[in-house]
């Protein structure tokens, strides 16, 4: 099985295998423009390979469906203490 994470130049862990995302777990989404959004993974999207997240931002919360080709990056889950 391929590794689920890679490391960026900032030493942040990037999730490369979206099949290993865990529902109801918090992740950081990085938009194509570089904005980071705290989000919760909701499950696979309707399109093959897509994923549904519930994103939280200062402007409000909402559902976001992304596909690997959309330019979004999923960063490793937020660890709870």
PDB file of N, CA and C in Angstrom:
ATOM      1  N   UNK A   1       0.839  -1.177   0.000  1.00  0.00           N
ATOM      2  CA  UNK A   1       0.000   0.000   0.000  1.00  0.00           C
ATOM      3  C   UNK A   1       0.881   1.236   0.000  1.00  0.00           C
ATOM      4  N   UNK A   2       0.517   2.233  -0.792  1.00  0.00           N
ATOM      5  CA  UNK A   2       1.303   3.456  -0.894  1.00  0.00           C
ATOM      6  C   UNK A   2       1.165   4.275   0.383  1.00  0.00           C
ATOM      7  N   UNK A   3       2.184   5.076   0.658  1.00  0.00           N
ATOM      8  CA  UNK A   3       2.133   5.951   1.829  1.00  0.00           C
ATOM      9  C   UNK A   3       1.026   6.974   1.662  1.00  0.00           C
ATOM     10  N   UNK A   4       0.362   7.294   2.760  1.00  0.00           N
ATOM     11  CA  UNK A   4      -0.779   8.205   2.715  1.00  0.00           C
ATOM     12  C   UNK A   4      -0.363   9.656   2.827  1.00  0.00           C
ATOM     13  N   UNK A   5       0.849   9.921   3.245  1.00  0.00           N
ATOM     14  CA  UNK A   5       1.256  11.307   3.415  1.00  0.00           C
ATOM     15  C   UNK A   5       2.583  11.556   2.740  1.00  0.00           C
ATOM     16  N   UNK A   6       2.809  12.810   2.386  1.00  0.00           N
ATOM     17  CA  UNK A   6       4.074  13.283   1.866  1.00  0.00           C
ATOM     18  C   UNK A   6       4.467  14.483   2.709  1.00  0.00           C
ATOM     19  N   UNK A   7       5.625  15.039   2.474  1.00  0.00           N
ATOM     20  CA  UNK A   7       6.054  16.194   3.256  1.00  0.00           C
ATOM     21  C   UNK A   7       6.322  17.339   2.308  1.00  0.00           C
ATOM     22  N   UNK A   8       5.769  18.513   2.630  1.00  0.00           N
ATOM     23  CA  UNK A   8       6.006  19.708   1.824  1.00  0.00           C
ATOM     24  C   UNK A   8       7.272  20.377   2.299  1.00  0.00           C
ATOM     25  N   UNK A   9       7.653  21.471   1.635  1.00  0.00           N
ATOM     26  CA  UNK A   9       8.832  22.230   2.039  1.00  0.00           C
ATOM     27  C   UNK A   9       8.694  22.781   3.453  1.00  0.00           C
ATOM     28  N   UNK A  10       7.454  23.026   3.909  1.00  0.00           N
ATOM     29  CA  UNK A  10       7.224  23.569   5.253  1.00  0.00           C
ATOM     30  C   UNK A  10       7.181  22.468   6.301  1.00  0.00           C
ATOM     31  N   UNK A  11       7.455  21.234   5.941  1.00  0.00           N
ATOM     32  CA  UNK A  11       7.398  20.080   6.830  1.00  0.00           C
ATOM     33  C   UNK A  11       5.965  19.793   7.276  1.00  0.00           C
ATOM     34  N   UNK A  12       4.972  20.199   6.503  1.00  0.00           N
ATOM     35  CA  UNK A  12       3.583  19.851   6.779  1.00  0.00           C
ATOM     36  C   UNK A  12       3.285  18.561   6.041  1.00  0.00           C
ATOM     37  N   UNK A  13       2.474  17.712   6.653  1.00  0.00           N
ATOM     38  CA  UNK A  13       2.153  16.439   6.027  1.00  0.00           C
ATOM     39  C   UNK A  13       0.956  16.601   5.100  1.00  0.00           C
ATOM     40  N   UNK A  14       1.150  16.233   3.834  1.00  0.00           N
ATOM     41  CA  UNK A  14       0.105  16.311   2.826  1.00  0.00           C
ATOM     42  C   UNK A  14      -0.481  14.924   2.623  1.00  0.00           C
ATOM     43  N   UNK A  15      -1.803  14.837   2.668  1.00  0.00           N
ATOM     44  CA  UNK A  15      -2.471  13.558   2.435  1.00  0.00           C
ATOM     45  C   UNK A  15      -2.553  13.358   0.922  1.00  0.00           C
ATOM     46  N   UNK A  16      -1.917  12.312   0.435  1.00  0.00           N
ATOM     47  CA  UNK A  16      -1.911  12.043  -1.002  1.00  0.00           C
ATOM     48  C   UNK A  16      -2.870  10.925  -1.384  1.00  0.00           C
ATOM     49  N   UNK A  17      -3.253  10.111  -0.416  1.00  0.00           N
ATOM     50  CA  UNK A  17      -4.194   9.020  -0.667  1.00  0.00           C
ATOM     51  C   UNK A  17      -5.484   9.328   0.084  1.00  0.00           C
ATOM     52  N   UNK A  18      -6.437   9.947  -0.622  1.00  0.00           N
ATOM     53  CA  UNK A  18      -7.676  10.385   0.011  1.00  0.00           C
ATOM     54  C   UNK A  18      -8.522   9.218   0.507  1.00  0.00           C
ATOM     55  N   UNK A  19      -8.255   8.007   0.055  1.00  0.00           N
ATOM     56  CA  UNK A  19      -9.018   6.853   0.542  1.00  0.00           C
ATOM     57  C   UNK A  19      -8.710   6.576   2.010  1.00  0.00           C
ATOM     58  N   UNK A  20      -7.637   7.154   2.532  1.00  0.00           N
ATOM     59  CA  UNK A  20      -7.266   6.938   3.926  1.00  0.00           C
ATOM     60  C   UNK A  20      -7.756   8.052   4.850  1.00  0.00           C
ATOM     61  N   UNK A  21      -8.536   9.012   4.316  1.00  0.00           N
ATOM     62  CA  UNK A  21      -9.123  10.052   5.162  1.00  0.00           C
ATOM     63  C   UNK A  21     -10.156   9.412   6.082  1.00  0.00           C
ATOM     64  N   UNK A  22     -10.250   9.898   7.297  1.00  0.00           N
ATOM     65  CA  UNK A  22     -11.171   9.340   8.283  1.00  0.00           C
ATOM     66  C   UNK A  22     -12.354  10.278   8.493  1.00  0.00           C
ATOM     67  N   UNK A  23     -13.582   9.772   8.347  1.00  0.00           N
ATOM     68  CA  UNK A  23     -14.772  10.603   8.568  1.00  0.00           C
ATOM     69  C   UNK A  23     -14.782  11.207   9.976  1.00  0.00           C
ATOM     70  N   UNK A  24     -15.317  12.408  10.049  1.00  0.00           N
ATOM     71  CA  UNK A  24     -15.461  13.157  11.306  1.00  0.00           C
ATOM     72  C   UNK A  24     -14.124  13.553  11.912  1.00  0.00           C
ATOM     73  N   UNK A  25     -13.038  13.452  11.154  1.00  0.00           N
ATOM     74  CA  UNK A  25     -11.718  13.867  11.616  1.00  0.00           C
ATOM     75  C   UNK A  25     -11.428  15.250  11.041  1.00  0.00           C
ATOM     76  N   UNK A  26     -10.775  16.096  11.812  1.00  0.00           N
ATOM     77  CA  UNK A  26     -10.438  17.445  11.358  1.00  0.00           C
ATOM     78  C   UNK A  26      -9.179  17.424  10.497  1.00  0.00           C
ATOM     79  N   UNK A  27      -9.232  18.159   9.393  1.00  0.00           N
ATOM     80  CA  UNK A  27      -8.099  18.321   8.480  1.00  0.00           C
ATOM     81  C   UNK A  27      -7.987  19.796   8.129  1.00  0.00           C
ATOM     82  N   UNK A  28      -6.836  20.192   7.629  1.00  0.00           N
ATOM     83  CA  UNK A  28      -6.666  21.536   7.092  1.00  0.00           C
ATOM     84  C   UNK A  28      -6.667  21.420   5.575  1.00  0.00           C
ATOM     85  N   UNK A  29      -7.521  22.224   4.924  1.00  0.00           N
ATOM     86  CA  UNK A  29      -7.552  22.282   3.466  1.00  0.00           C
ATOM     87  C   UNK A  29      -6.804  23.525   3.032  1.00  0.00           C
ATOM     88  N   UNK A  30      -5.929  23.391   2.048  1.00  0.00           N
ATOM     89  CA  UNK A  30      -5.225  24.543   1.482  1.00  0.00           C
ATOM     90  C   UNK A  30      -5.768  24.778   0.088  1.00  0.00           C
ATOM     91  N   UNK A  31      -6.329  25.953  -0.113  1.00  0.00           N
ATOM     92  CA  UNK A  31      -6.926  26.302  -1.408  1.00  0.00           C
ATOM     93  C   UNK A  31      -5.828  26.526  -2.446  1.00  0.00           C
ATOM     94  N   UNK A  32      -6.205  26.535  -3.726  1.00  0.00           N
ATOM     95  CA  UNK A  32      -5.214  26.811  -4.769  1.00  0.00           C
ATOM     96  C   UNK A  32      -4.542  28.175  -4.589  1.00  0.00           C
ATOM     97  N   UNK A  33      -5.211  29.124  -3.910  1.00  0.00           N
ATOM     98  CA  UNK A  33      -4.632  30.452  -3.684  1.00  0.00           C
ATOM     99  C   UNK A  33      -3.815  30.522  -2.401  1.00  0.00           C
ATOM    100  N   UNK A  34      -3.737  29.404  -1.640  1.00  0.00           N
ATOM    101  CA  UNK A  34      -2.904  29.352  -0.447  1.00  0.00           C
ATOM    102  C   UNK A  34      -3.631  29.591   0.858  1.00  0.00           C
ATOM    103  N   UNK A  35      -4.954  29.787   0.832  1.00  0.00           N
ATOM    104  CA  UNK A  35      -5.729  29.993   2.057  1.00  0.00           C
ATOM    105  C   UNK A  35      -5.943  28.653   2.751  1.00  0.00           C
ATOM    106  N   UNK A  36      -5.742  28.620   4.069  1.00  0.00           N
ATOM    107  CA  UNK A  36      -5.957  27.411   4.851  1.00  0.00           C
ATOM    108  C   UNK A  36      -7.325  27.463   5.518  1.00  0.00           C
ATOM    109  N   UNK A  37      -8.065  26.352   5.437  1.00  0.00           N
ATOM    110  CA  UNK A  37      -9.378  26.247   6.063  1.00  0.00           C
ATOM    111  C   UNK A  37      -9.402  25.029   6.969  1.00  0.00           C
ATOM    112  N   UNK A  38      -9.853  25.217   8.197  1.00  0.00           N
ATOM    113  CA  UNK A  38     -10.079  24.084   9.074  1.00  0.00           C
ATOM    114  C   UNK A  38     -11.341  23.398   8.594  1.00  0.00           C
ATOM    115  N   UNK A  39     -11.316  22.079   8.515  1.00  0.00           N
ATOM    116  CA  UNK A  39     -12.474  21.364   7.984  1.00  0.00           C
ATOM    117  C   UNK A  39     -12.605  19.999   8.647  1.00  0.00           C
ATOM    118  N   UNK A  40     -13.767  19.414   8.455  1.00  0.00           N
ATOM    119  CA  UNK A  40     -14.041  18.060   8.923  1.00  0.00           C
ATOM    120  C   UNK A  40     -14.381  17.219   7.708  1.00  0.00           C
ATOM    121  N   UNK A  41     -13.749  16.068   7.577  1.00  0.00           N
ATOM    122  CA  UNK A  41     -14.010  15.192   6.447  1.00  0.00           C
ATOM    123  C   UNK A  41     -15.356  14.526   6.614  1.00  0.00           C
ATOM    124  N   UNK A  42     -16.202  14.637   5.594  1.00  0.00           N
ATOM    125  CA  UNK A  42     -17.537  14.064   5.653  1.00  0.00           C
ATOM    126  C   UNK A  42     -17.681  12.738   4.929  1.00  0.00           C
ATOM    127  N   UNK A  43     -16.783  12.455   3.997  1.00  0.00           N
ATOM    128  CA  UNK A  43     -16.857  11.207   3.251  1.00  0.00           C
ATOM    129  C   UNK A  43     -16.594  11.440   1.773  1.00  0.00           C
ATOM    130  N   UNK A  44     -16.658  10.381   0.986  1.00  0.00           N
ATOM    131  CA  UNK A  44     -16.415  10.513  -0.452  1.00  0.00           C
ATOM    132  C   UNK A  44     -17.527  11.315  -1.125  1.00  0.00           C
ATOM    133  N   UNK A  45     -17.161  12.045  -2.179  1.00  0.00           N
ATOM    134  CA  UNK A  45     -18.144  12.806  -2.941  1.00  0.00           C
ATOM    135  C   UNK A  45     -18.846  11.933  -3.965  1.00  0.00           C
ATOM    136  N   UNK A  46     -19.806  12.527  -4.662  1.00  0.00           N
ATOM    137  CA  UNK A  46     -20.556  11.780  -5.677  1.00  0.00           C
ATOM    138  C   UNK A  46     -19.678  11.414  -6.869  1.00  0.00           C
ATOM    139  N   UNK A  47     -18.759  12.299  -7.249  1.00  0.00           N
ATOM    140  CA  UNK A  47     -17.854  11.997  -8.361  1.00  0.00           C
ATOM    141  C   UNK A  47     -16.738  11.098  -7.858  1.00  0.00           C
ATOM    142  N   UNK A  48     -16.325  10.169  -8.676  1.00  0.00           N
ATOM    143  CA  UNK A  48     -15.245   9.253  -8.308  1.00  0.00           C
ATOM    144  C   UNK A  48     -13.993  10.060  -7.975  1.00  0.00           C
ATOM    145  N   UNK A  49     -13.409   9.774  -6.818  1.00  0.00           N
ATOM    146  CA  UNK A  49     -12.175  10.427  -6.395  1.00  0.00           C
ATOM    147  C   UNK A  49     -12.368  11.719  -5.627  1.00  0.00           C
ATOM    148  N   UNK A  50     -13.600  12.246  -5.580  1.00  0.00           N
ATOM    149  CA  UNK A  50     -13.826  13.502  -4.865  1.00  0.00           C
ATOM    150  C   UNK A  50     -14.088  13.235  -3.389  1.00  0.00           C
ATOM    151  N   UNK A  51     -14.021  14.299  -2.595  1.00  0.00           N
ATOM    152  CA  UNK A  51     -14.231  14.194  -1.153  1.00  0.00           C
ATOM    153  C   UNK A  51     -15.060  15.380  -0.678  1.00  0.00           C
ATOM    154  N   UNK A  52     -15.894  15.117   0.332  1.00  0.00           N
ATOM    155  CA  UNK A  52     -16.744  16.158   0.903  1.00  0.00           C
ATOM    156  C   UNK A  52     -16.175  16.561   2.256  1.00  0.00           C
ATOM    157  N   UNK A  53     -16.029  17.859   2.442  1.00  0.00           N
ATOM    158  CA  UNK A  53     -15.560  18.411   3.711  1.00  0.00           C
ATOM    159  C   UNK A  53     -16.559  19.449   4.198  1.00  0.00           C
ATOM    160  N   UNK A  54     -16.609  19.623   5.494  1.00  0.00           N
ATOM    161  CA  UNK A  54     -17.395  20.689   6.102  1.00  0.00           C
ATOM    162  C   UNK A  54     -16.368  21.708   6.588  1.00  0.00           C
ATOM    163  N   UNK A  55     -16.244  22.802   5.844  1.00  0.00           N
ATOM    164  CA  UNK A  55     -15.191  23.790   6.082  1.00  0.00           C
ATOM    165  C   UNK A  55     -15.679  24.890   7.015  1.00  0.00           C
ATOM    166  N   UNK A  56     -14.748  25.414   7.799  1.00  0.00           N
ATOM    167  CA  UNK A  56     -15.031  26.471   8.757  1.00  0.00           C
ATOM    168  C   UNK A  56     -14.143  27.665   8.416  1.00  0.00           C
ATOM    169  N   UNK A  57     -14.746  28.830   8.234  1.00  0.00           N
ATOM    170  CA  UNK A  57     -13.982  30.031   7.936  1.00  0.00           C
ATOM    171  C   UNK A  57     -14.620  31.224   8.635  1.00  0.00           C
ATOM    172  N   UNK A  58     -13.906  32.339   8.739  1.00  0.00           N
ATOM    173  CA  UNK A  58     -14.481  33.527   9.370  1.00  0.00           C
ATOM    174  C   UNK A  58     -15.764  34.011   8.674  1.00  0.00           C
ATOM    175  N   UNK A  59     -15.879  33.748   7.379  1.00  0.00           N
ATOM    176  CA  UNK A  59     -17.061  34.170   6.625  1.00  0.00           C
ATOM    177  C   UNK A  59     -18.258  33.252   6.858  1.00  0.00           C
ATOM    178  N   UNK A  60     -18.027  32.102   7.433  1.00  0.00           N
ATOM    179  CA  UNK A  60     -19.108  31.155   7.693  1.00  0.00           C
ATOM    180  C   UNK A  60     -18.680  29.733   7.395  1.00  0.00           C
ATOM    181  N   UNK A  61     -19.538  28.813   7.758  1.00  0.00           N
ATOM    182  CA  UNK A  61     -19.272  27.394   7.555  1.00  0.00           C
ATOM    183  C   UNK A  61     -20.038  26.908   6.332  1.00  0.00           C
ATOM    184  N   UNK A  62     -19.533  25.860   5.696  1.00  0.00           N
ATOM    185  CA  UNK A  62     -20.242  25.307   4.552  1.00  0.00           C
ATOM    186  C   UNK A  62     -19.636  24.010   4.075  1.00  0.00           C
ATOM    187  N   UNK A  63     -20.386  23.330   3.221  1.00  0.00           N
ATOM    188  CA  UNK A  63     -19.938  22.070   2.642  1.00  0.00           C
ATOM    189  C   UNK A  63     -19.105  22.376   1.407  1.00  0.00           C
ATOM    190  N   UNK A  64     -18.022  21.652   1.256  1.00  0.00           N
ATOM    191  CA  UNK A  64     -17.111  21.841   0.135  1.00  0.00           C
ATOM    192  C   UNK A  64     -16.764  20.476  -0.435  1.00  0.00           C
ATOM    193  N   UNK A  65     -17.032  20.278  -1.707  1.00  0.00           N
ATOM    194  CA  UNK A  65     -16.661  19.035  -2.381  1.00  0.00           C
ATOM    195  C   UNK A  65     -15.487  19.346  -3.297  1.00  0.00           C
ATOM    196  N   UNK A  66     -14.398  18.618  -3.119  1.00  0.00           N
ATOM    197  CA  UNK A  66     -13.202  18.854  -3.934  1.00  0.00           C
ATOM    198  C   UNK A  66     -12.768  17.558  -4.613  1.00  0.00           C
ATOM    199  N   UNK A  67     -12.073  17.722  -5.720  1.00  0.00           N
ATOM    200  CA  UNK A  67     -11.486  16.605  -6.457  1.00  0.00           C
ATOM    201  C   UNK A  67      -9.979  16.840  -6.526  1.00  0.00           C
ATOM    202  N   UNK A  68      -9.196  15.791  -6.686  1.00  0.00           N
ATOM    203  CA  UNK A  68      -7.742  15.960  -6.728  1.00  0.00           C
ATOM    204  C   UNK A  68      -7.265  16.969  -7.775  1.00  0.00           C
ATOM    205  N   UNK A  69      -7.966  17.088  -8.897  1.00  0.00           N
ATOM    206  CA  UNK A  69      -7.542  18.009  -9.951  1.00  0.00           C
ATOM    207  C   UNK A  69      -7.968  19.450  -9.710  1.00  0.00           C
ATOM    208  N   UNK A  70      -8.684  19.722  -8.601  1.00  0.00           N
ATOM    209  CA  UNK A  70      -9.154  21.074  -8.303  1.00  0.00           C
ATOM    210  C   UNK A  70      -8.064  21.982  -7.757  1.00  0.00           C
ATOM    211  N   UNK A  71      -6.926  21.419  -7.393  1.00  0.00           N
ATOM    212  CA  UNK A  71      -5.821  22.229  -6.890  1.00  0.00           C
ATOM    213  C   UNK A  71      -5.785  22.393  -5.379  1.00  0.00           C
ATOM    214  N   UNK A  72      -6.730  21.778  -4.677  1.00  0.00           N
ATOM    215  CA  UNK A  72      -6.743  21.844  -3.215  1.00  0.00           C
ATOM    216  C   UNK A  72      -5.768  20.823  -2.650  1.00  0.00           C
ATOM    217  N   UNK A  73      -5.193  21.127  -1.485  1.00  0.00           N
ATOM    218  CA  UNK A  73      -4.303  20.221  -0.780  1.00  0.00           C
ATOM    219  C   UNK A  73      -4.939  19.877   0.555  1.00  0.00           C
ATOM    220  N   UNK A  74      -4.915  18.601   0.911  1.00  0.00           N
ATOM    221  CA  UNK A  74      -5.410  18.160   2.213  1.00  0.00           C
ATOM    222  C   UNK A  74      -4.188  17.906   3.086  1.00  0.00           C
ATOM    223  N   UNK A  75      -4.130  18.628   4.204  1.00  0.00           N
ATOM    224  CA  UNK A  75      -3.015  18.453   5.139  1.00  0.00           C
ATOM    225  C   UNK A  75      -3.431  17.500   6.249  1.00  0.00           C
ATOM    226  N   UNK A  76      -2.464  16.856   6.864  1.00  0.00           N
ATOM    227  CA  UNK A  76      -2.713  15.810   7.854  1.00  0.00           C
ATOM    228  C   UNK A  76      -3.720  16.252   8.910  1.00  0.00           C
ATOM    229  N   UNK A  77      -4.376  15.272   9.485  1.00  0.00           N
ATOM    230  CA  UNK A  77      -5.446  15.533  10.451  1.00  0.00           C
ATOM    231  C   UNK A  77      -4.920  16.286  11.650  1.00  0.00           C
ATOM    232  N   UNK A  78      -5.787  17.092  12.213  1.00  0.00           N
ATOM    233  CA  UNK A  78      -5.462  17.846  13.418  1.00  0.00           C
ATOM    234  C   UNK A  78      -5.487  16.873  14.586  1.00  0.00           C
ATOM    235  N   UNK A  79      -4.422  16.823  15.324  1.00  0.00           N
ATOM    236  CA  UNK A  79      -4.322  15.887  16.450  1.00  0.00           C
ATOM    237  C   UNK A  79      -5.016  16.460  17.675  1.00  0.00           C
ATOM    238  N   UNK A  80      -5.774  15.605  18.362  1.00  0.00           N
ATOM    239  CA  UNK A  80      -6.413  16.008  19.611  1.00  0.00           C
ATOM    240  C   UNK A  80      -5.578  15.504  20.765  1.00  0.00           C
ATOM    241  N   UNK A  81      -5.442  16.347  21.794  1.00  0.00           N
ATOM    242  CA  UNK A  81      -4.663  15.947  22.983  1.00  0.00           C
ATOM    243  C   UNK A  81      -5.531  15.211  23.958  1.00  0.00           C
TER     244      UNK A  81
END
